[in-house]
Protein backbone atom coordinates (compact mmCIF):
# COMPACT_ATOMS: atom_id res chain seq x y z
CA UNK A 1 -14.46 15.61 0.94
CA UNK A 2 -13.27 12.42 -0.97
CA UNK A 3 -10.65 10.51 0.51
CA UNK A 4 -8.45 7.85 -1.12
CA UNK A 5 -9.57 4.31 -0.30
CA UNK A 6 -6.11 3.54 1.13
CA UNK A 7 -6.54 6.58 3.51
CA UNK A 8 -9.86 5.55 4.69
CA UNK A 9 -8.49 1.88 5.47
CA UNK A 10 -5.63 3.57 7.22
CA UNK A 11 -8.08 5.45 9.31
CA UNK A 12 -10.17 2.19 10.04
CA UNK A 13 -7.09 0.40 10.90
CA UNK A 14 -5.64 3.29 13.18
CA UNK A 15 -9.06 3.66 14.88
CA UNK A 16 -9.21 -0.08 15.53
CA UNK A 17 -5.77 -0.06 16.91
CA UNK A 18 -6.59 2.75 19.41
CA UNK A 19 -9.57 0.85 20.42
CA UNK A 20 -7.99 -2.34 20.75
CA UNK A 21 -4.40 -1.26 21.54
CA UNK A 22 -2.95 -3.83 19.31
CA UNK A 23 -0.23 -1.70 17.62
CA UNK A 24 1.69 -5.09 16.41
CA UNK A 25 -1.52 -6.01 14.58
CA UNK A 26 -2.08 -2.67 12.91
CA UNK A 27 1.51 -2.61 11.61
CA UNK A 28 1.10 -6.03 10.00
CA UNK A 29 -2.33 -5.07 8.48
CA UNK A 30 -0.38 -1.91 7.03
CA UNK A 31 2.68 -3.98 5.88
CA UNK A 32 0.16 -6.36 4.00
CA UNK A 33 -1.69 -3.41 2.68
CA UNK A 34 1.35 -1.56 1.28
CA UNK A 35 2.80 -4.80 -0.10
CA UNK A 36 -0.67 -5.26 -1.91
CA UNK A 37 -0.32 -1.57 -3.25
CA UNK A 38 3.29 -2.12 -4.38
CA UNK A 39 2.15 -5.23 -6.37
CA UNK A 40 -0.66 -3.60 -7.97
CA UNK A 41 1.75 -0.95 -8.96
CA UNK A 42 4.20 -3.33 -10.40
CA UNK A 43 1.53 -4.97 -12.32
CA UNK A 44 0.43 -1.97 -13.93
CA UNK A 45 3.94 -0.81 -14.88
CA UNK A 46 4.21 -4.48 -16.58
CA UNK A 47 1.02 -3.74 -18.60
């Protein structure tokens, strides 16, 4: 079963959070990641 890279990253981040208990850290990583996806989509729409 192939999963999208962002799903894998989310799973990894989520598992890391459960282990470490740093919810704020996970939210920040996720926010940065989502901003990155947004920028990539913007660039693609410009091209």
